[in-house]
Amino acid sequence: MNVDQRYRLVYKPLIFIASLGPIVWLFMGGFGVLGQSLGPDPIKLTLHTLGKTSLNFLMLTLMVTPVRYLAGWPHIVRIRRMLGLFAFCYALLHFLVYIVLDQELDFAGLGKDIVKRPYITVGFAALVILVPLAVTSTNGMMRRLGRRWQTLHRLVYVATVLGVVHYYWQVKRDVTEPLIYAAVLAVLLAYRIVRSRRRRAMATSKSGSATAPERT
């Protein structure tokens, strides 16, 4: 079995099944399967679980590139699309639970919350950014957009930053976890900045060497 077959037949199915874990856990808790329970405030716990899972998948998506180059695993890029789509799906479920179960489809109240509560404004903005990224995640859209596809999908950095800010502002007391997410995100973004600068420096050096006159 070659690398392509392992990713297609083994790794991707396993990651897909594992990615459904939080939904299965919430389902079991909601229906009391195997004694599971969502506690005294199931809506709050569901919102927290879905939102945090979405943020986890965004982080994993951004980790693919460093792992690809630092660990020498070029084929890991094959799972990045799946991770990104799961991030969007969990973010969408997070929003739907909020609007349907928490707000009970009170769209007027939702509009007021988006305007008055900064953490909801930031979270909603992150979801809006993820929509075009999910829609254009297919191979067909990649070919159609060309270089613009990569530019568009760099918005994932903005969405992740907004997600971390949303989490930080939403937490009222212990901000330890949001700060950990912020630290990890800072490292991931710093890696990209450093790597981008090194690539530009190398390109400039090669260009200068190619155009320099020969010494006699």
C-alpha atoms as a PDB file:
ATOM      1  CA  MET A   1       0.000   0.000   0.000  1.00  0.00           C
ATOM      2  CA  ASN A   2       1.583   3.292  -1.091  1.00  0.00           C
ATOM      3  CA  VAL A   3       1.261   6.666   0.613  1.00  0.00           C
ATOM      4  CA  ASP A   4      -1.726   7.772  -1.474  1.00  0.00           C
ATOM      5  CA  GLN A   5      -3.638   4.614  -0.633  1.00  0.00           C
ATOM      6  CA  ARG A   6      -2.807   4.854   3.073  1.00  0.00           C
ATOM      7  CA  TYR A   7      -4.138   8.405   3.273  1.00  0.00           C
ATOM      8  CA  ARG A   8      -7.228   7.630   1.211  1.00  0.00           C
ATOM      9  CA  LEU A   9      -8.130   4.274   2.748  1.00  0.00           C
ATOM     10  CA  VAL A  10      -6.760   4.492   6.294  1.00  0.00           C
ATOM     11  CA  TYR A  11      -5.766   7.911   7.608  1.00  0.00           C
ATOM     12  CA  LYS A  12      -8.628  10.000   6.217  1.00  0.00           C
ATOM     13  CA  PRO A  13     -11.413   7.608   7.337  1.00  0.00           C
ATOM     14  CA  LEU A  14      -9.884   7.356  10.812  1.00  0.00           C
ATOM     15  CA  ILE A  15      -9.548  11.132  11.134  1.00  0.00           C
ATOM     16  CA  PHE A  16     -13.110  11.591   9.875  1.00  0.00           C
ATOM     17  CA  ILE A  17     -14.484   9.176  12.488  1.00  0.00           C
ATOM     18  CA  ALA A  18     -12.403  10.737  15.267  1.00  0.00           C
ATOM     19  CA  SER A  19     -13.583  14.207  14.228  1.00  0.00           C
ATOM     20  CA  LEU A  20     -17.178  13.177  14.863  1.00  0.00           C
ATOM     21  CA  GLY A  21     -16.325  12.343  18.481  1.00  0.00           C
ATOM     22  CA  PRO A  22     -17.608  15.603  20.054  1.00  0.00           C
ATOM     23  CA  ILE A  23     -20.931  15.310  18.226  1.00  0.00           C
ATOM     24  CA  VAL A  24     -21.334  11.701  19.330  1.00  0.00           C
ATOM     25  CA  TRP A  25     -20.495  12.677  22.915  1.00  0.00           C
ATOM     26  CA  LEU A  26     -23.072  15.499  22.885  1.00  0.00           C
ATOM     27  CA  PHE A  27     -25.675  13.181  21.370  1.00  0.00           C
ATOM     28  CA  MET A  28     -25.060  10.563  24.037  1.00  0.00           C
ATOM     29  CA  GLY A  29     -25.262  13.193  26.763  1.00  0.00           C
ATOM     30  CA  GLY A  30     -28.436  14.693  25.351  1.00  0.00           C
ATOM     31  CA  PHE A  31     -30.230  11.355  25.316  1.00  0.00           C
ATOM     32  CA  GLY A  32     -28.610   9.915  28.407  1.00  0.00           C
ATOM     33  CA  VAL A  33     -26.900   7.089  26.529  1.00  0.00           C
ATOM     34  CA  LEU A  34     -24.663   4.949  28.746  1.00  0.00           C
ATOM     35  CA  GLY A  35     -25.356   7.236  31.666  1.00  0.00           C
ATOM     36  CA  GLN A  36     -23.890  10.315  29.976  1.00  0.00           C
ATOM     37  CA  SER A  37     -25.291  13.719  30.942  1.00  0.00           C
ATOM     38  CA  LEU A  38     -24.800  17.292  29.814  1.00  0.00           C
ATOM     39  CA  GLY A  39     -25.300  18.600  33.329  1.00  0.00           C
ATOM     40  CA  PRO A  40     -27.667  21.255  34.690  1.00  0.00           C
ATOM     41  CA  ASP A  41     -27.150  23.638  31.725  1.00  0.00           C
ATOM     42  CA  PRO A  42     -26.962  21.462  28.584  1.00  0.00           C
ATOM     43  CA  ILE A  43     -27.289  24.369  26.156  1.00  0.00           C
ATOM     44  CA  LYS A  44     -24.321  26.191  27.669  1.00  0.00           C
ATOM     45  CA  LEU A  45     -22.213  23.027  27.657  1.00  0.00           C
ATOM     46  CA  THR A  46     -23.195  22.270  24.054  1.00  0.00           C
ATOM     47  CA  LEU A  47     -22.312  25.789  22.939  1.00  0.00           C
ATOM     48  CA  HIS A  48     -18.959  25.621  24.702  1.00  0.00           C
ATOM     49  CA  THR A  49     -18.104  22.181  23.311  1.00  0.00           C
ATOM     50  CA  LEU A  50     -18.994  23.053  19.717  1.00  0.00           C
ATOM     51  CA  GLY A  51     -17.215  26.407  19.801  1.00  0.00           C
ATOM     52  CA  LYS A  52     -14.070  25.036  21.390  1.00  0.00           C
ATOM     53  CA  THR A  53     -14.006  22.094  18.970  1.00  0.00           C
ATOM     54  CA  SER A  54     -14.231  24.483  16.018  1.00  0.00           C
ATOM     55  CA  LEU A  55     -11.301  26.458  17.409  1.00  0.00           C
ATOM     56  CA  ASN A  56      -9.343  23.232  17.926  1.00  0.00           C
ATOM     57  CA  PHE A  57      -9.840  22.286  14.281  1.00  0.00           C
ATOM     58  CA  LEU A  58      -8.743  25.743  13.138  1.00  0.00           C
ATOM     59  CA  MET A  59      -5.571  25.327  15.163  1.00  0.00           C
ATOM     60  CA  LEU A  60      -4.976  21.866  13.729  1.00  0.00           C
ATOM     61  CA  THR A  61      -5.465  23.261  10.230  1.00  0.00           C
ATOM     62  CA  LEU A  62      -2.773  25.868  10.839  1.00  0.00           C
ATOM     63  CA  MET A  63      -0.462  23.225  12.319  1.00  0.00           C
ATOM     64  CA  VAL A  64      -0.380  21.237   9.084  1.00  0.00           C
ATOM     65  CA  THR A  65       2.161  23.484   7.366  1.00  0.00           C
ATOM     66  CA  PRO A  66       4.736  23.529  10.209  1.00  0.00           C
ATOM     67  CA  VAL A  67       4.423  19.766  10.648  1.00  0.00           C
ATOM     68  CA  ARG A  68       4.755  19.301   6.899  1.00  0.00           C
ATOM     69  CA  TYR A  69       8.110  21.060   6.745  1.00  0.00           C
ATOM     70  CA  LEU A  70       9.586  20.545  10.215  1.00  0.00           C
ATOM     71  CA  ALA A  71       8.733  16.843  10.443  1.00  0.00           C
ATOM     72  CA  GLY A  72       9.249  16.156   6.749  1.00  0.00           C
ATOM     73  CA  TRP A  73       5.710  14.857   6.187  1.00  0.00           C
ATOM     74  CA  PRO A  74       4.684  16.411   2.856  1.00  0.00           C
ATOM     75  CA  HIS A  75       1.649  14.182   2.477  1.00  0.00           C
ATOM     76  CA  ILE A  76       0.016  15.489   5.654  1.00  0.00           C
ATOM     77  CA  VAL A  77      -1.303  18.379   3.569  1.00  0.00           C
ATOM     78  CA  ARG A  78      -3.895  15.906   2.243  1.00  0.00           C
ATOM     79  CA  ILE A  79      -5.880  16.119   5.487  1.00  0.00           C
ATOM     80  CA  ARG A  80      -5.851  19.925   5.777  1.00  0.00           C
ATOM     81  CA  ARG A  81      -9.032  20.397   3.766  1.00  0.00           C
ATOM     82  CA  MET A  82     -10.919  17.918   5.971  1.00  0.00           C
ATOM     83  CA  LEU A  83      -9.741  19.658   9.136  1.00  0.00           C
ATOM     84  CA  GLY A  84     -10.805  23.041   7.773  1.00  0.00           C
ATOM     85  CA  LEU A  85     -14.257  21.783   6.803  1.00  0.00           C
ATOM     86  CA  PHE A  86     -14.765  20.278  10.248  1.00  0.00           C
ATOM     87  CA  ALA A  87     -13.780  23.635  11.758  1.00  0.00           C
ATOM     88  CA  PHE A  88     -16.497  25.293   9.690  1.00  0.00           C
ATOM     89  CA  CYS A  89     -19.104  22.622  10.471  1.00  0.00           C
ATOM     90  CA  TYR A  90     -18.548  22.893  14.214  1.00  0.00           C
ATOM     91  CA  ALA A  91     -18.621  26.695  14.032  1.00  0.00           C
ATOM     92  CA  LEU A  92     -21.905  26.533  12.114  1.00  0.00           C
ATOM     93  CA  LEU A  93     -23.379  24.084  14.644  1.00  0.00           C
ATOM     94  CA  HIS A  94     -22.205  26.385  17.431  1.00  0.00           C
ATOM     95  CA  PHE A  95     -24.082  29.272  15.821  1.00  0.00           C
ATOM     96  CA  LEU A  96     -27.219  27.200  15.122  1.00  0.00           C
ATOM     97  CA  VAL A  97     -27.420  25.972  18.716  1.00  0.00           C
ATOM     98  CA  TYR A  98     -27.046  29.566  19.877  1.00  0.00           C
ATOM     99  CA  ILE A  99     -29.760  30.945  17.624  1.00  0.00           C
ATOM    100  CA  VAL A 100     -32.216  28.016  17.851  1.00  0.00           C
ATOM    101  CA  LEU A 101     -31.850  26.712  21.413  1.00  0.00           C
ATOM    102  CA  ASP A 102     -30.370  29.649  23.293  1.00  0.00           C
ATOM    103  CA  GLN A 103     -32.128  32.543  21.522  1.00  0.00           C
ATOM    104  CA  GLU A 104     -35.173  30.468  20.450  1.00  0.00           C
ATOM    105  CA  LEU A 105     -35.106  32.007  16.969  1.00  0.00           C
ATOM    106  CA  ASP A 106     -35.419  35.527  18.351  1.00  0.00           C
ATOM    107  CA  PHE A 107     -33.735  37.236  15.407  1.00  0.00           C
ATOM    108  CA  ALA A 108     -34.348  40.699  16.839  1.00  0.00           C
ATOM    109  CA  GLY A 109     -32.542  39.671  20.013  1.00  0.00           C
ATOM    110  CA  LEU A 110     -29.795  38.101  17.929  1.00  0.00           C
ATOM    111  CA  GLY A 111     -29.259  41.360  16.073  1.00  0.00           C
ATOM    112  CA  LYS A 112     -29.013  43.257  19.346  1.00  0.00           C
ATOM    113  CA  ASP A 113     -26.540  40.720  20.743  1.00  0.00           C
ATOM    114  CA  ILE A 114     -24.328  40.948  17.662  1.00  0.00           C
ATOM    115  CA  VAL A 115     -24.212  44.732  18.006  1.00  0.00           C
ATOM    116  CA  LYS A 116     -23.997  45.091  21.782  1.00  0.00           C
ATOM    117  CA  ARG A 117     -21.862  42.106  22.841  1.00  0.00           C
ATOM    118  CA  PRO A 118     -18.335  42.298  21.407  1.00  0.00           C
ATOM    119  CA  TYR A 119     -17.571  38.578  21.793  1.00  0.00           C
ATOM    120  CA  ILE A 120     -20.686  37.668  19.785  1.00  0.00           C
ATOM    121  CA  THR A 121     -19.806  40.247  17.123  1.00  0.00           C
ATOM    122  CA  VAL A 122     -16.309  38.804  16.793  1.00  0.00           C
ATOM    123  CA  GLY A 123     -17.571  35.195  16.762  1.00  0.00           C
ATOM    124  CA  PHE A 124     -20.160  35.962  14.094  1.00  0.00           C
ATOM    125  CA  ALA A 125     -17.501  37.696  11.983  1.00  0.00           C
ATOM    126  CA  ALA A 126     -15.297  34.596  12.224  1.00  0.00           C
ATOM    127  CA  LEU A 127     -18.179  32.410  11.011  1.00  0.00           C
ATOM    128  CA  VAL A 128     -18.890  34.743   8.096  1.00  0.00           C
ATOM    129  CA  ILE A 129     -15.239  34.547   7.047  1.00  0.00           C
ATOM    130  CA  LEU A 130     -15.291  30.747   7.166  1.00  0.00           C
ATOM    131  CA  VAL A 131     -18.283  30.511   4.804  1.00  0.00           C
ATOM    132  CA  PRO A 132     -16.455  31.444   1.563  1.00  0.00           C
ATOM    133  CA  LEU A 133     -13.489  29.309   2.607  1.00  0.00           C
ATOM    134  CA  ALA A 134     -15.741  26.265   2.945  1.00  0.00           C
ATOM    135  CA  VAL A 135     -17.587  27.009  -0.306  1.00  0.00           C
ATOM    136  CA  THR A 136     -14.341  27.327  -2.272  1.00  0.00           C
ATOM    137  CA  SER A 137     -12.613  24.299  -0.732  1.00  0.00           C
ATOM    138  CA  THR A 138     -13.215  22.025  -3.741  1.00  0.00           C
ATOM    139  CA  ASN A 139     -10.649  21.211  -6.414  1.00  0.00           C
ATOM    140  CA  GLY A 140     -12.897  22.810  -9.013  1.00  0.00           C
ATOM    141  CA  MET A 141     -12.985  26.136  -7.171  1.00  0.00           C
ATOM    142  CA  MET A 142      -9.240  25.946  -6.645  1.00  0.00           C
ATOM    143  CA  ARG A 143      -8.683  25.644 -10.388  1.00  0.00           C
ATOM    144  CA  ARG A 144     -11.254  28.325 -11.160  1.00  0.00           C
ATOM    145  CA  LEU A 145      -9.832  30.907  -8.770  1.00  0.00           C
ATOM    146  CA  GLY A 146      -6.173  30.183  -9.520  1.00  0.00           C
ATOM    147  CA  ARG A 147      -3.821  32.378  -7.481  1.00  0.00           C
ATOM    148  CA  ARG A 148      -6.788  34.169  -5.923  1.00  0.00           C
ATOM    149  CA  TRP A 149      -7.694  30.929  -4.124  1.00  0.00           C
ATOM    150  CA  GLN A 150      -4.571  31.047  -1.964  1.00  0.00           C
ATOM    151  CA  THR A 151      -5.110  34.733  -1.213  1.00  0.00           C
ATOM    152  CA  LEU A 152      -8.709  34.067  -0.196  1.00  0.00           C
ATOM    153  CA  HIS A 153      -7.844  31.133   2.033  1.00  0.00           C
ATOM    154  CA  ARG A 154      -5.300  33.177   3.950  1.00  0.00           C
ATOM    155  CA  LEU A 155      -8.364  34.619   5.658  1.00  0.00           C
ATOM    156  CA  VAL A 156      -8.253  31.510   7.832  1.00  0.00           C
ATOM    157  CA  TYR A 157      -5.629  33.374   9.879  1.00  0.00           C
ATOM    158  CA  VAL A 158      -8.109  36.198  10.488  1.00  0.00           C
ATOM    159  CA  ALA A 159     -10.886  33.755  11.359  1.00  0.00           C
ATOM    160  CA  THR A 160      -8.658  31.952  13.861  1.00  0.00           C
ATOM    161  CA  VAL A 161      -7.561  35.195  15.516  1.00  0.00           C
ATOM    162  CA  LEU A 162     -11.202  36.232  15.821  1.00  0.00           C
ATOM    163  CA  GLY A 163     -12.046  32.809  17.230  1.00  0.00           C
ATOM    164  CA  VAL A 164      -9.412  33.170  19.957  1.00  0.00           C
ATOM    165  CA  VAL A 165     -10.613  36.701  20.769  1.00  0.00           C
ATOM    166  CA  HIS A 166     -14.209  35.431  20.875  1.00  0.00           C
ATOM    167  CA  TYR A 167     -13.203  32.738  23.353  1.00  0.00           C
ATOM    168  CA  TYR A 168     -11.179  35.161  25.482  1.00  0.00           C
ATOM    169  CA  TRP A 169     -13.965  37.747  25.702  1.00  0.00           C
ATOM    170  CA  GLN A 170     -16.599  35.087  26.330  1.00  0.00           C
ATOM    171  CA  VAL A 171     -14.773  33.683  29.361  1.00  0.00           C
ATOM    172  CA  LYS A 172     -15.632  35.763  32.415  1.00  0.00           C
ATOM    173  CA  ARG A 173     -13.177  34.489  35.021  1.00  0.00           C
ATOM    174  CA  ASP A 174     -10.397  32.018  34.283  1.00  0.00           C
ATOM    175  CA  VAL A 175      -8.770  33.059  31.004  1.00  0.00           C
ATOM    176  CA  THR A 176      -5.987  30.480  31.183  1.00  0.00           C
ATOM    177  CA  GLU A 177      -7.249  28.364  28.273  1.00  0.00           C
ATOM    178  CA  PRO A 178      -7.887  31.309  25.920  1.00  0.00           C
ATOM    179  CA  LEU A 179      -4.382  32.596  26.648  1.00  0.00           C
ATOM    180  CA  ILE A 180      -2.934  29.166  25.830  1.00  0.00           C
ATOM    181  CA  TYR A 181      -4.773  29.234  22.507  1.00  0.00           C
ATOM    182  CA  ALA A 182      -3.455  32.753  21.895  1.00  0.00           C
ATOM    183  CA  ALA A 183       0.123  31.640  22.643  1.00  0.00           C
ATOM    184  CA  VAL A 184      -0.125  28.645  20.282  1.00  0.00           C
ATOM    185  CA  LEU A 185      -1.606  30.830  17.565  1.00  0.00           C
ATOM    186  CA  ALA A 186       1.167  33.396  18.016  1.00  0.00           C
ATOM    187  CA  VAL A 187       3.785  30.669  17.534  1.00  0.00           C
ATOM    188  CA  LEU A 188       2.036  29.362  14.396  1.00  0.00           C
ATOM    189  CA  LEU A 189       1.787  32.829  12.873  1.00  0.00           C
ATOM    190  CA  ALA A 190       5.378  33.667  13.828  1.00  0.00           C
ATOM    191  CA  TYR A 191       6.571  30.505  12.102  1.00  0.00           C
ATOM    192  CA  ARG A 192       4.834  31.549   8.897  1.00  0.00           C
ATOM    193  CA  ILE A 193       6.261  35.050   9.045  1.00  0.00           C
ATOM    194  CA  VAL A 194       9.814  33.791   9.608  1.00  0.00           C
ATOM    195  CA  ARG A 195       9.513  31.168   6.875  1.00  0.00           C
ATOM    196  CA  SER A 196       8.080  33.686   4.419  1.00  0.00           C
ATOM    197  CA  ARG A 197      10.931  36.123   5.090  1.00  0.00           C
ATOM    198  CA  ARG A 198      13.532  33.397   4.646  1.00  0.00           C
ATOM    199  CA  ARG A 199      12.003  32.362   1.326  1.00  0.00           C
ATOM    200  CA  ARG A 200      12.014  35.949   0.089  1.00  0.00           C
ATOM    201  CA  ALA A 201      15.610  36.408   1.226  1.00  0.00           C
ATOM    202  CA  MET A 202      16.671  33.222  -0.563  1.00  0.00           C
ATOM    203  CA  ALA A 203      14.817  34.280  -3.718  1.00  0.00           C
ATOM    204  CA  THR A 204      16.488  37.693  -3.622  1.00  0.00           C
ATOM    205  CA  SER A 205      19.889  36.096  -3.076  1.00  0.00           C
ATOM    206  CA  LYS A 206      19.438  33.725  -6.008  1.00  0.00           C
ATOM    207  CA  SER A 207      18.187  36.537  -8.210  1.00  0.00           C
ATOM    208  CA  GLY A 208      21.180  38.679  -7.299  1.00  0.00           C
ATOM    209  CA  SER A 209      23.597  35.831  -7.980  1.00  0.00           C
ATOM    210  CA  ALA A 210      22.013  35.165 -11.360  1.00  0.00           C
ATOM    211  CA  THR A 211      22.273  38.806 -12.477  1.00  0.00           C
ATOM    212  CA  ALA A 212      25.683  39.630 -11.008  1.00  0.00           C
ATOM    213  CA  PRO A 213      28.450  40.153 -13.619  1.00  0.00           C
ATOM    214  CA  GLU A 214      31.247  37.615 -13.679  1.00  0.00           C
ATOM    215  CA  ARG A 215      34.564  38.680 -12.217  1.00  0.00           C
ATOM    216  CA  THR A 216      37.605  38.557 -14.453  1.00  0.00           C
END
